[in-house]
Amino acid sequence: MLYDSKKRCFWPSDFKFTMFTFTIIFLPASLCLACPIWGTDPDEIDIGVKVLMTVLEVTFLFFSLYYLFKCAFTEPGIIPSLDTENSGIPNRQRKQPDSKRDYYVEYKTR
């Protein structure tokens, strides 16, 4: 994740790939909506079927893009704790997390 201090928000580090994925999802879906569904003759497909297919297409498109951006704007992976004794980090005292600036995980043992 990257933090934009001017806008005060987080951006995915691979935002270019997210927009590329958005494009390869959105363009075929919109072409499917325009050409096969609404581009056919009114005699071939009933208007009720066109509306139903449009609602299904837009619903699935919305959920696909919603989960794409939800995954892109969520930090993936595990954030290791710097406080553990066996973390293997040299000079642990110098690299202690600052609670005002850093994010860290506190693991609870049983």
N, C-alpha and C. Protein backbone atom coordinates (compact mmCIF):
# COMPACT_ATOMS: atom_id res chain seq x y z
N MET A 1 0.83 -1.17 0.00
CA MET A 1 0.00 0.00 0.00
C MET A 1 0.88 1.24 0.00
N LEU A 2 0.44 2.24 -0.71
CA LEU A 2 1.13 3.52 -0.74
C LEU A 2 0.22 4.56 -0.10
N TYR A 3 0.81 5.46 0.65
CA TYR A 3 0.04 6.51 1.31
C TYR A 3 0.28 7.82 0.60
N ASP A 4 -0.79 8.46 0.13
CA ASP A 4 -0.71 9.77 -0.50
C ASP A 4 -0.98 10.82 0.57
N SER A 5 0.07 11.53 0.98
CA SER A 5 -0.07 12.47 2.08
C SER A 5 -0.85 13.72 1.68
N LYS A 6 -0.88 14.06 0.40
CA LYS A 6 -1.64 15.23 -0.03
C LYS A 6 -3.15 14.96 0.03
N LYS A 7 -3.55 13.78 -0.43
CA LYS A 7 -4.97 13.41 -0.42
C LYS A 7 -5.37 12.69 0.85
N ARG A 8 -4.37 12.29 1.65
CA ARG A 8 -4.57 11.57 2.90
C ARG A 8 -5.36 10.28 2.69
N CYS A 9 -4.87 9.46 1.76
CA CYS A 9 -5.53 8.19 1.51
C CYS A 9 -4.49 7.16 1.07
N PHE A 10 -4.87 5.90 1.15
CA PHE A 10 -4.03 4.79 0.73
C PHE A 10 -4.36 4.41 -0.70
N TRP A 11 -3.34 4.03 -1.46
CA TRP A 11 -3.52 3.53 -2.82
C TRP A 11 -2.81 2.19 -2.92
N PRO A 12 -3.34 1.27 -3.70
CA PRO A 12 -2.63 0.00 -3.90
C PRO A 12 -1.30 0.25 -4.60
N SER A 13 -0.32 -0.54 -4.25
CA SER A 13 0.99 -0.35 -4.86
C SER A 13 0.98 -0.76 -6.33
N ASP A 14 0.05 -1.62 -6.72
CA ASP A 14 -0.06 -2.05 -8.11
C ASP A 14 -1.34 -1.50 -8.75
N PHE A 15 -1.57 -0.20 -8.58
CA PHE A 15 -2.81 0.42 -9.06
C PHE A 15 -2.93 0.34 -10.58
N LYS A 16 -1.79 0.35 -11.30
CA LYS A 16 -1.83 0.23 -12.77
C LYS A 16 -2.42 -1.11 -13.17
N PHE A 17 -2.05 -2.18 -12.45
CA PHE A 17 -2.58 -3.50 -12.77
C PHE A 17 -4.06 -3.60 -12.41
N THR A 18 -4.46 -2.90 -11.36
CA THR A 18 -5.88 -2.87 -10.98
C THR A 18 -6.70 -2.20 -12.07
N MET A 19 -6.20 -1.10 -12.61
CA MET A 19 -6.93 -0.42 -13.68
C MET A 19 -6.93 -1.26 -14.96
N PHE A 20 -5.87 -1.99 -15.22
CA PHE A 20 -5.85 -2.89 -16.38
C PHE A 20 -6.89 -3.98 -16.21
N THR A 21 -6.99 -4.55 -15.02
CA THR A 21 -7.99 -5.58 -14.75
C THR A 21 -9.39 -5.00 -14.84
N PHE A 22 -9.58 -3.80 -14.35
CA PHE A 22 -10.86 -3.12 -14.48
C PHE A 22 -11.26 -3.01 -15.95
N THR A 23 -10.30 -2.64 -16.80
CA THR A 23 -10.57 -2.47 -18.23
C THR A 23 -10.95 -3.79 -18.89
N ILE A 24 -10.23 -4.87 -18.56
CA ILE A 24 -10.55 -6.14 -19.21
C ILE A 24 -11.81 -6.79 -18.65
N ILE A 25 -12.33 -6.27 -17.55
CA ILE A 25 -13.64 -6.73 -17.07
C ILE A 25 -14.74 -5.84 -17.63
N PHE A 26 -14.55 -4.52 -17.59
CA PHE A 26 -15.61 -3.58 -17.92
C PHE A 26 -15.90 -3.52 -19.43
N LEU A 27 -14.87 -3.48 -20.27
CA LEU A 27 -15.10 -3.34 -21.71
C LEU A 27 -15.87 -4.51 -22.32
N PRO A 28 -15.50 -5.76 -22.09
CA PRO A 28 -16.32 -6.84 -22.65
C PRO A 28 -17.74 -6.88 -22.10
N ALA A 29 -17.90 -6.53 -20.83
CA ALA A 29 -19.24 -6.51 -20.25
C ALA A 29 -20.10 -5.43 -20.89
N SER A 30 -19.53 -4.26 -21.12
CA SER A 30 -20.31 -3.20 -21.76
C SER A 30 -20.59 -3.52 -23.22
N LEU A 31 -19.64 -4.16 -23.90
CA LEU A 31 -19.90 -4.58 -25.28
C LEU A 31 -20.99 -5.65 -25.34
N CYS A 32 -21.00 -6.54 -24.36
CA CYS A 32 -22.04 -7.56 -24.30
C CYS A 32 -23.40 -6.92 -24.07
N LEU A 33 -23.43 -5.88 -23.29
CA LEU A 33 -24.69 -5.16 -23.03
C LEU A 33 -25.16 -4.43 -24.29
N ALA A 34 -24.24 -3.80 -25.01
CA ALA A 34 -24.61 -2.99 -26.16
C ALA A 34 -24.96 -3.82 -27.39
N CYS A 35 -24.13 -4.79 -27.72
CA CYS A 35 -24.31 -5.50 -28.99
C CYS A 35 -25.30 -6.67 -28.90
N PRO A 36 -25.00 -7.73 -28.17
CA PRO A 36 -25.91 -8.89 -28.21
C PRO A 36 -27.26 -8.63 -27.54
N ILE A 37 -27.27 -7.85 -26.46
CA ILE A 37 -28.53 -7.70 -25.74
C ILE A 37 -29.40 -6.61 -26.37
N TRP A 38 -28.89 -5.38 -26.46
CA TRP A 38 -29.71 -4.29 -26.96
C TRP A 38 -29.53 -4.02 -28.44
N GLY A 39 -28.57 -4.66 -29.09
CA GLY A 39 -28.34 -4.45 -30.52
C GLY A 39 -29.13 -5.37 -31.42
N THR A 40 -29.88 -6.31 -30.88
CA THR A 40 -30.66 -7.24 -31.70
C THR A 40 -32.01 -6.63 -32.07
N ASP A 41 -32.65 -7.23 -33.04
CA ASP A 41 -33.98 -6.77 -33.46
C ASP A 41 -34.99 -7.00 -32.36
N PRO A 42 -35.96 -6.10 -32.24
CA PRO A 42 -37.00 -6.29 -31.23
C PRO A 42 -37.87 -7.53 -31.49
N ASP A 43 -37.88 -8.00 -32.74
CA ASP A 43 -38.67 -9.19 -33.06
C ASP A 43 -38.01 -10.47 -32.57
N GLU A 44 -36.68 -10.47 -32.46
CA GLU A 44 -35.96 -11.68 -32.06
C GLU A 44 -36.02 -11.93 -30.56
N ILE A 45 -35.81 -10.89 -29.75
CA ILE A 45 -35.81 -11.04 -28.30
C ILE A 45 -36.84 -10.10 -27.70
N ASP A 46 -37.67 -10.61 -26.81
CA ASP A 46 -38.69 -9.82 -26.14
C ASP A 46 -38.04 -8.77 -25.24
N ILE A 47 -38.70 -7.64 -25.05
CA ILE A 47 -38.15 -6.55 -24.22
C ILE A 47 -37.98 -6.98 -22.76
N GLY A 48 -38.86 -7.83 -22.26
CA GLY A 48 -38.73 -8.32 -20.88
C GLY A 48 -37.47 -9.15 -20.69
N VAL A 49 -37.14 -9.94 -21.70
CA VAL A 49 -35.91 -10.75 -21.63
C VAL A 49 -34.68 -9.84 -21.68
N LYS A 50 -34.76 -8.79 -22.50
CA LYS A 50 -33.64 -7.84 -22.57
C LYS A 50 -33.43 -7.14 -21.23
N VAL A 51 -34.52 -6.75 -20.59
CA VAL A 51 -34.41 -6.07 -19.30
C VAL A 51 -33.84 -7.04 -18.26
N LEU A 52 -34.32 -8.28 -18.24
CA LEU A 52 -33.82 -9.28 -17.30
C LEU A 52 -32.33 -9.54 -17.51
N MET A 53 -31.92 -9.69 -18.77
CA MET A 53 -30.50 -9.93 -19.07
C MET A 53 -29.65 -8.71 -18.69
N THR A 54 -30.19 -7.51 -18.87
CA THR A 54 -29.46 -6.29 -18.49
C THR A 54 -29.29 -6.21 -16.99
N VAL A 55 -30.35 -6.51 -16.25
CA VAL A 55 -30.27 -6.48 -14.79
C VAL A 55 -29.24 -7.49 -14.29
N LEU A 56 -29.27 -8.70 -14.83
CA LEU A 56 -28.29 -9.72 -14.43
C LEU A 56 -26.87 -9.29 -14.79
N GLU A 57 -26.69 -8.76 -15.99
CA GLU A 57 -25.36 -8.33 -16.43
C GLU A 57 -24.81 -7.22 -15.54
N VAL A 58 -25.62 -6.22 -15.24
CA VAL A 58 -25.18 -5.10 -14.42
C VAL A 58 -24.92 -5.55 -12.98
N THR A 59 -25.74 -6.46 -12.48
CA THR A 59 -25.53 -6.97 -11.12
C THR A 59 -24.22 -7.72 -11.01
N PHE A 60 -23.96 -8.62 -11.94
CA PHE A 60 -22.70 -9.38 -11.89
C PHE A 60 -21.50 -8.48 -12.15
N LEU A 61 -21.65 -7.48 -13.02
CA LEU A 61 -20.57 -6.54 -13.27
C LEU A 61 -20.26 -5.73 -12.02
N PHE A 62 -21.30 -5.27 -11.33
CA PHE A 62 -21.11 -4.50 -10.10
C PHE A 62 -20.35 -5.32 -9.05
N PHE A 63 -20.78 -6.56 -8.82
CA PHE A 63 -20.11 -7.37 -7.80
C PHE A 63 -18.68 -7.72 -8.21
N SER A 64 -18.44 -7.97 -9.47
CA SER A 64 -17.07 -8.25 -9.93
C SER A 64 -16.16 -7.06 -9.68
N LEU A 65 -16.62 -5.87 -10.01
CA LEU A 65 -15.79 -4.68 -9.81
C LEU A 65 -15.69 -4.30 -8.34
N TYR A 66 -16.76 -4.53 -7.58
CA TYR A 66 -16.72 -4.25 -6.15
C TYR A 66 -15.64 -5.09 -5.47
N TYR A 67 -15.62 -6.39 -5.75
CA TYR A 67 -14.63 -7.25 -5.10
C TYR A 67 -13.23 -7.03 -5.66
N LEU A 68 -13.12 -6.60 -6.92
CA LEU A 68 -11.80 -6.25 -7.46
C LEU A 68 -11.21 -5.09 -6.68
N PHE A 69 -11.99 -4.02 -6.49
CA PHE A 69 -11.46 -2.87 -5.77
C PHE A 69 -11.34 -3.13 -4.27
N LYS A 70 -12.19 -3.96 -3.73
CA LYS A 70 -12.06 -4.31 -2.31
C LYS A 70 -10.76 -5.06 -2.07
N CYS A 71 -10.42 -5.97 -2.95
CA CYS A 71 -9.15 -6.69 -2.81
C CYS A 71 -7.95 -5.79 -3.09
N ALA A 72 -8.10 -4.87 -4.03
CA ALA A 72 -6.98 -4.00 -4.38
C ALA A 72 -6.67 -3.00 -3.27
N PHE A 73 -7.69 -2.53 -2.55
CA PHE A 73 -7.48 -1.52 -1.52
C PHE A 73 -7.35 -2.13 -0.13
N THR A 74 -7.20 -3.43 -0.04
CA THR A 74 -6.98 -4.10 1.23
C THR A 74 -5.55 -4.62 1.24
N GLU A 75 -4.84 -4.38 2.32
CA GLU A 75 -3.44 -4.81 2.41
C GLU A 75 -3.37 -6.34 2.42
N PRO A 76 -2.72 -6.92 1.45
CA PRO A 76 -2.61 -8.38 1.42
C PRO A 76 -1.49 -8.90 2.32
N GLY A 77 -1.61 -10.12 2.68
CA GLY A 77 -0.54 -10.78 3.42
C GLY A 77 -0.60 -10.56 4.91
N ILE A 78 0.44 -11.02 5.56
CA ILE A 78 0.56 -10.94 7.01
C ILE A 78 1.56 -9.86 7.35
N ILE A 79 1.22 -9.02 8.29
CA ILE A 79 2.15 -7.99 8.76
C ILE A 79 2.87 -8.56 9.97
N PRO A 80 4.15 -8.84 9.85
CA PRO A 80 4.86 -9.45 10.98
C PRO A 80 5.08 -8.46 12.12
N SER A 81 5.10 -8.98 13.30
CA SER A 81 5.33 -8.15 14.47
C SER A 81 6.82 -7.96 14.67
N LEU A 82 7.19 -6.76 15.08
CA LEU A 82 8.60 -6.49 15.37
C LEU A 82 8.93 -6.74 16.83
N ASP A 83 7.93 -7.06 17.64
CA ASP A 83 8.15 -7.23 19.07
C ASP A 83 8.50 -8.64 19.49
N THR A 84 8.39 -9.60 18.63
CA THR A 84 8.62 -10.98 19.04
C THR A 84 10.10 -11.23 19.28
N GLU A 85 10.37 -12.12 20.20
CA GLU A 85 11.75 -12.43 20.57
C GLU A 85 12.51 -13.13 19.45
N ASN A 86 11.85 -14.00 18.74
CA ASN A 86 12.55 -14.78 17.72
C ASN A 86 12.20 -14.29 16.31
N SER A 87 12.12 -12.99 16.14
CA SER A 87 11.78 -12.45 14.83
C SER A 87 12.96 -12.51 13.86
N GLY A 88 14.18 -12.61 14.36
CA GLY A 88 15.34 -12.69 13.49
C GLY A 88 15.77 -11.34 12.91
N ILE A 89 15.27 -10.27 13.46
CA ILE A 89 15.63 -8.94 12.97
C ILE A 89 16.79 -8.41 13.81
N PRO A 90 17.92 -8.09 13.16
CA PRO A 90 19.03 -7.51 13.93
C PRO A 90 18.69 -6.09 14.37
N ASN A 91 19.25 -5.68 15.49
CA ASN A 91 19.03 -4.34 16.05
C ASN A 91 17.54 -4.07 16.26
N ARG A 92 16.91 -4.97 16.99
CA ARG A 92 15.46 -4.83 17.22
C ARG A 92 15.12 -3.53 17.94
N GLN A 93 15.99 -3.08 18.81
CA GLN A 93 15.68 -1.87 19.56
C GLN A 93 15.57 -0.64 18.65
N ARG A 94 16.37 -0.62 17.63
CA ARG A 94 16.34 0.50 16.70
C ARG A 94 15.12 0.44 15.77
N LYS A 95 14.62 -0.78 15.54
CA LYS A 95 13.50 -0.95 14.61
C LYS A 95 12.18 -1.20 15.31
N GLN A 96 12.07 -0.76 16.55
CA GLN A 96 10.81 -0.92 17.27
C GLN A 96 9.73 -0.05 16.61
N PRO A 97 8.50 -0.54 16.58
CA PRO A 97 7.44 0.24 15.93
C PRO A 97 7.07 1.46 16.76
N ASP A 98 6.76 2.51 16.08
CA ASP A 98 6.27 3.72 16.72
C ASP A 98 4.75 3.72 16.59
N SER A 99 4.03 3.72 17.70
CA SER A 99 2.58 3.57 17.67
C SER A 99 1.88 4.75 17.01
N LYS A 100 2.53 5.88 16.90
CA LYS A 100 1.92 7.03 16.25
C LYS A 100 2.08 7.00 14.73
N ARG A 101 3.09 6.29 14.24
CA ARG A 101 3.38 6.28 12.81
C ARG A 101 3.19 4.92 12.17
N ASP A 102 3.56 3.86 12.86
CA ASP A 102 3.65 2.54 12.25
C ASP A 102 2.46 1.67 12.61
N TYR A 103 2.24 0.72 11.74
CA TYR A 103 1.25 -0.32 11.98
C TYR A 103 1.99 -1.59 12.33
N TYR A 104 1.56 -2.28 13.35
CA TYR A 104 2.20 -3.54 13.69
C TYR A 104 1.16 -4.47 14.30
N VAL A 105 1.53 -5.73 14.35
CA VAL A 105 0.61 -6.76 14.82
C VAL A 105 1.13 -7.30 16.13
N GLU A 106 0.26 -7.49 17.08
CA GLU A 106 0.64 -8.11 18.35
C GLU A 106 0.01 -9.50 18.38
N TYR A 107 0.86 -10.52 18.40
CA TYR A 107 0.39 -11.89 18.40
C TYR A 107 0.18 -12.35 19.85
N LYS A 108 -0.90 -13.01 20.08
CA LYS A 108 -1.18 -13.54 21.42
C LYS A 108 -0.90 -15.04 21.41
N THR A 109 -0.15 -15.49 22.39
CA THR A 109 0.14 -16.92 22.50
C THR A 109 -0.80 -17.55 23.51
N ARG A 110 -1.00 -18.82 23.36
CA ARG A 110 -1.92 -19.53 24.25
C ARG A 110 -1.30 -19.83 25.56
